[in-house]
Amino acid sequence: MKGTKFQLKVWKYLKTIPKGYVKTYKDVAIGIKSPKAARAVANACGKNPYAPKIPCHRVIRSDGALGGYSGRGGIKRKLRLLRSEKVDI
């Protein structure tokens, strides 16, 4: 896998989010022991070339909005993926 040390840490954490669940960018930042790095987590998700295998679609904004999705199909695909996992969104 190619990416920065920080991106790899984020992507590894994303793989621990179970199907059907979402976390916020802040939750992920806290989970990787970088609680002030929510914005950097969002950037790392945006650079994820392995979507949806590495499930960045399971990360949303703290206000409940979807945020972005760098995978093919963009935000519409993110919404479809979450709905297919029975996430109430």
N, C-alpha and C. Protein backbone atom coordinates (compact mmCIF):
# COMPACT_ATOMS: atom_id res chain seq x y z
N MET A 1 0.84 -1.18 0.00
CA MET A 1 0.00 0.00 0.00
C MET A 1 0.89 1.24 0.00
N LYS A 2 0.51 2.19 -0.81
CA LYS A 2 1.28 3.43 -0.90
C LYS A 2 0.50 4.57 -0.28
N GLY A 3 1.19 5.38 0.49
CA GLY A 3 0.62 6.55 1.14
C GLY A 3 1.59 7.04 2.19
N THR A 4 1.29 8.19 2.78
CA THR A 4 2.14 8.69 3.86
C THR A 4 1.91 7.84 5.11
N LYS A 5 2.78 8.00 6.08
CA LYS A 5 2.64 7.27 7.33
C LYS A 5 1.27 7.57 7.97
N PHE A 6 0.89 8.86 7.93
CA PHE A 6 -0.39 9.26 8.51
C PHE A 6 -1.56 8.64 7.73
N GLN A 7 -1.51 8.70 6.40
CA GLN A 7 -2.58 8.12 5.59
C GLN A 7 -2.72 6.63 5.87
N LEU A 8 -1.61 5.93 5.94
CA LEU A 8 -1.65 4.49 6.20
C LEU A 8 -2.29 4.20 7.56
N LYS A 9 -1.99 5.03 8.55
CA LYS A 9 -2.57 4.86 9.88
C LYS A 9 -4.09 5.05 9.82
N VAL A 10 -4.53 6.09 9.10
CA VAL A 10 -5.97 6.35 8.94
C VAL A 10 -6.62 5.18 8.20
N TRP A 11 -6.04 4.77 7.09
CA TRP A 11 -6.65 3.71 6.28
C TRP A 11 -6.73 2.39 7.05
N LYS A 12 -5.70 2.11 7.86
CA LYS A 12 -5.73 0.89 8.68
C LYS A 12 -6.89 0.97 9.67
N TYR A 13 -7.08 2.14 10.28
CA TYR A 13 -8.18 2.32 11.23
C TYR A 13 -9.54 2.16 10.53
N LEU A 14 -9.66 2.70 9.32
CA LEU A 14 -10.94 2.61 8.61
C LEU A 14 -11.38 1.17 8.42
N LYS A 15 -10.42 0.27 8.26
CA LYS A 15 -10.75 -1.14 8.06
C LYS A 15 -11.37 -1.77 9.31
N THR A 16 -11.28 -1.09 10.46
CA THR A 16 -11.85 -1.62 11.70
C THR A 16 -13.31 -1.18 11.90
N ILE A 17 -13.79 -0.26 11.07
CA ILE A 17 -15.18 0.20 11.21
C ILE A 17 -16.08 -0.87 10.61
N PRO A 18 -16.95 -1.49 11.42
CA PRO A 18 -17.77 -2.59 10.92
C PRO A 18 -18.80 -2.15 9.87
N LYS A 19 -19.12 -3.05 9.01
CA LYS A 19 -20.15 -2.83 8.01
C LYS A 19 -21.44 -2.43 8.73
N GLY A 20 -22.10 -1.40 8.21
CA GLY A 20 -23.35 -0.95 8.81
C GLY A 20 -23.18 0.13 9.87
N TYR A 21 -21.96 0.54 10.12
CA TYR A 21 -21.68 1.58 11.12
C TYR A 21 -20.93 2.74 10.47
N VAL A 22 -21.07 3.90 11.06
CA VAL A 22 -20.29 5.06 10.61
C VAL A 22 -19.58 5.69 11.80
N LYS A 23 -18.52 6.38 11.51
CA LYS A 23 -17.80 7.18 12.50
C LYS A 23 -17.59 8.55 11.88
N THR A 24 -17.35 9.53 12.74
CA THR A 24 -17.04 10.87 12.22
C THR A 24 -15.54 10.98 12.00
N TYR A 25 -15.15 12.00 11.24
CA TYR A 25 -13.72 12.25 11.04
C TYR A 25 -13.04 12.46 12.39
N LYS A 26 -13.74 13.12 13.32
CA LYS A 26 -13.19 13.35 14.66
C LYS A 26 -13.04 12.02 15.41
N ASP A 27 -14.03 11.12 15.30
CA ASP A 27 -13.92 9.80 15.93
C ASP A 27 -12.67 9.07 15.44
N VAL A 28 -12.44 9.14 14.14
CA VAL A 28 -11.27 8.47 13.56
C VAL A 28 -9.99 9.13 14.09
N ALA A 29 -9.97 10.46 14.15
CA ALA A 29 -8.79 11.16 14.67
C ALA A 29 -8.49 10.72 16.10
N ILE A 30 -9.52 10.63 16.91
CA ILE A 30 -9.35 10.17 18.30
C ILE A 30 -8.87 8.71 18.30
N GLY A 31 -9.44 7.91 17.42
CA GLY A 31 -9.08 6.49 17.35
C GLY A 31 -7.64 6.24 16.97
N ILE A 32 -7.05 7.16 16.22
CA ILE A 32 -5.64 6.99 15.85
C ILE A 32 -4.72 7.81 16.75
N LYS A 33 -5.27 8.28 17.86
CA LYS A 33 -4.50 9.03 18.87
C LYS A 33 -3.99 10.38 18.37
N SER A 34 -4.76 11.00 17.47
CA SER A 34 -4.45 12.34 16.98
C SER A 34 -5.73 13.18 17.05
N PRO A 35 -6.22 13.45 18.27
CA PRO A 35 -7.55 14.03 18.44
C PRO A 35 -7.80 15.37 17.77
N LYS A 36 -6.76 16.09 17.43
CA LYS A 36 -6.94 17.40 16.77
C LYS A 36 -6.80 17.31 15.26
N ALA A 37 -6.72 16.11 14.74
CA ALA A 37 -6.42 15.92 13.32
C ALA A 37 -7.62 15.53 12.47
N ALA A 38 -8.83 15.93 12.86
CA ALA A 38 -10.02 15.54 12.10
C ALA A 38 -9.93 16.00 10.64
N ARG A 39 -9.44 17.20 10.43
CA ARG A 39 -9.32 17.73 9.06
C ARG A 39 -8.30 16.90 8.25
N ALA A 40 -7.21 16.53 8.88
CA ALA A 40 -6.19 15.70 8.21
C ALA A 40 -6.74 14.32 7.91
N VAL A 41 -7.59 13.80 8.80
CA VAL A 41 -8.24 12.51 8.56
C VAL A 41 -9.12 12.62 7.32
N ALA A 42 -9.88 13.71 7.22
CA ALA A 42 -10.73 13.92 6.04
C ALA A 42 -9.89 13.96 4.77
N ASN A 43 -8.75 14.62 4.83
CA ASN A 43 -7.86 14.67 3.67
C ASN A 43 -7.32 13.29 3.32
N ALA A 44 -6.96 12.51 4.35
CA ALA A 44 -6.47 11.15 4.10
C ALA A 44 -7.56 10.29 3.47
N CYS A 45 -8.79 10.46 3.94
CA CYS A 45 -9.91 9.72 3.33
C CYS A 45 -10.06 10.12 1.87
N GLY A 46 -9.90 11.39 1.59
CA GLY A 46 -10.01 11.89 0.23
C GLY A 46 -8.93 11.38 -0.70
N LYS A 47 -7.82 10.96 -0.13
CA LYS A 47 -6.70 10.43 -0.93
C LYS A 47 -6.70 8.90 -1.00
N ASN A 48 -7.69 8.27 -0.42
CA ASN A 48 -7.76 6.82 -0.37
C ASN A 48 -7.98 6.23 -1.77
N PRO A 49 -6.95 5.59 -2.34
CA PRO A 49 -7.12 5.01 -3.68
C PRO A 49 -7.74 3.61 -3.64
N TYR A 50 -8.03 3.11 -2.45
CA TYR A 50 -8.49 1.73 -2.29
C TYR A 50 -9.98 1.63 -1.95
N ALA A 51 -10.73 2.72 -2.16
CA ALA A 51 -12.17 2.71 -1.86
C ALA A 51 -12.88 1.82 -2.87
N PRO A 52 -13.90 1.08 -2.47
CA PRO A 52 -14.46 0.94 -1.12
C PRO A 52 -13.83 -0.19 -0.30
N LYS A 53 -12.77 -0.85 -0.84
CA LYS A 53 -12.12 -1.92 -0.07
C LYS A 53 -11.67 -1.39 1.29
N ILE A 54 -11.05 -0.22 1.31
CA ILE A 54 -10.80 0.48 2.57
C ILE A 54 -11.97 1.45 2.70
N PRO A 55 -12.87 1.19 3.65
CA PRO A 55 -14.20 1.82 3.65
C PRO A 55 -14.27 3.26 4.16
N CYS A 56 -13.69 4.18 3.40
CA CYS A 56 -13.78 5.59 3.80
C CYS A 56 -15.23 6.09 3.69
N HIS A 57 -16.08 5.33 3.00
CA HIS A 57 -17.49 5.73 2.90
C HIS A 57 -18.19 5.65 4.26
N ARG A 58 -17.57 4.99 5.22
CA ARG A 58 -18.17 4.85 6.56
C ARG A 58 -17.79 6.00 7.49
N VAL A 59 -17.18 7.04 6.93
CA VAL A 59 -16.78 8.20 7.73
C VAL A 59 -17.58 9.40 7.26
N ILE A 60 -18.23 10.07 8.23
CA ILE A 60 -19.08 11.22 7.93
C ILE A 60 -18.67 12.41 8.78
N ARG A 61 -19.27 13.55 8.48
CA ARG A 61 -18.98 14.76 9.25
C ARG A 61 -19.69 14.73 10.60
N SER A 62 -19.19 15.50 11.54
CA SER A 62 -19.77 15.56 12.88
C SER A 62 -21.20 16.08 12.89
N ASP A 63 -21.55 16.89 11.89
CA ASP A 63 -22.92 17.42 11.82
C ASP A 63 -23.89 16.44 11.16
N GLY A 64 -23.41 15.25 10.83
CA GLY A 64 -24.26 14.23 10.23
C GLY A 64 -24.27 14.25 8.71
N ALA A 65 -23.67 15.29 8.11
CA ALA A 65 -23.58 15.35 6.65
C ALA A 65 -22.59 14.29 6.16
N LEU A 66 -22.75 13.91 4.91
CA LEU A 66 -21.92 12.83 4.38
C LEU A 66 -20.46 13.19 4.22
N GLY A 67 -20.15 14.47 4.00
CA GLY A 67 -18.78 14.82 3.68
C GLY A 67 -18.54 14.47 2.23
N GLY A 68 -17.31 14.14 1.87
CA GLY A 68 -17.01 13.80 0.48
C GLY A 68 -16.80 12.32 0.30
N TYR A 69 -16.54 11.95 -0.96
CA TYR A 69 -16.21 10.56 -1.27
C TYR A 69 -15.33 10.57 -2.50
N SER A 70 -14.11 10.09 -2.36
CA SER A 70 -13.15 10.13 -3.47
C SER A 70 -13.27 8.93 -4.40
N GLY A 71 -14.03 7.93 -3.98
CA GLY A 71 -14.18 6.75 -4.82
C GLY A 71 -14.98 7.07 -6.07
N ARG A 72 -14.91 6.16 -7.04
CA ARG A 72 -15.64 6.34 -8.28
C ARG A 72 -17.13 6.46 -7.99
N GLY A 73 -17.77 7.44 -8.59
CA GLY A 73 -19.19 7.65 -8.37
C GLY A 73 -19.48 8.74 -7.37
N GLY A 74 -18.45 9.20 -6.66
CA GLY A 74 -18.60 10.33 -5.75
C GLY A 74 -19.61 10.12 -4.65
N ILE A 75 -20.19 11.22 -4.22
CA ILE A 75 -21.08 11.24 -3.06
C ILE A 75 -22.32 10.37 -3.25
N LYS A 76 -22.81 10.27 -4.48
CA LYS A 76 -23.98 9.42 -4.74
C LYS A 76 -23.65 7.96 -4.45
N ARG A 77 -22.44 7.55 -4.80
CA ARG A 77 -22.03 6.17 -4.52
C ARG A 77 -21.86 5.96 -3.02
N LYS A 78 -21.31 6.96 -2.32
CA LYS A 78 -21.15 6.86 -0.87
C LYS A 78 -22.50 6.61 -0.22
N LEU A 79 -23.49 7.37 -0.64
CA LEU A 79 -24.84 7.21 -0.10
C LEU A 79 -25.39 5.82 -0.41
N ARG A 80 -25.19 5.36 -1.64
CA ARG A 80 -25.66 4.01 -2.02
C ARG A 80 -24.97 2.93 -1.18
N LEU A 81 -23.66 3.07 -1.00
CA LEU A 81 -22.91 2.08 -0.20
C LEU A 81 -23.43 2.04 1.23
N LEU A 82 -23.63 3.21 1.83
CA LEU A 82 -24.13 3.25 3.21
C LEU A 82 -25.53 2.65 3.31
N ARG A 83 -26.39 2.98 2.38
CA ARG A 83 -27.74 2.41 2.39
C ARG A 83 -27.72 0.91 2.19
N SER A 84 -26.81 0.42 1.35
CA SER A 84 -26.72 -1.03 1.13
C SER A 84 -26.23 -1.75 2.39
N GLU A 85 -25.56 -1.02 3.27
CA GLU A 85 -25.10 -1.57 4.55
C GLU A 85 -26.12 -1.33 5.66
N LYS A 86 -27.28 -0.82 5.29
CA LYS A 86 -28.40 -0.58 6.22
C LYS A 86 -28.10 0.55 7.22
N VAL A 87 -27.24 1.50 6.82
CA VAL A 87 -26.98 2.67 7.66
C VAL A 87 -28.16 3.62 7.47
N ASP A 88 -28.74 4.07 8.56
CA ASP A 88 -29.88 4.98 8.51
C ASP A 88 -29.37 6.39 8.25
N ILE A 89 -29.35 6.75 6.98
CA ILE A 89 -28.77 8.07 6.62
C ILE A 89 -29.62 8.74 5.57
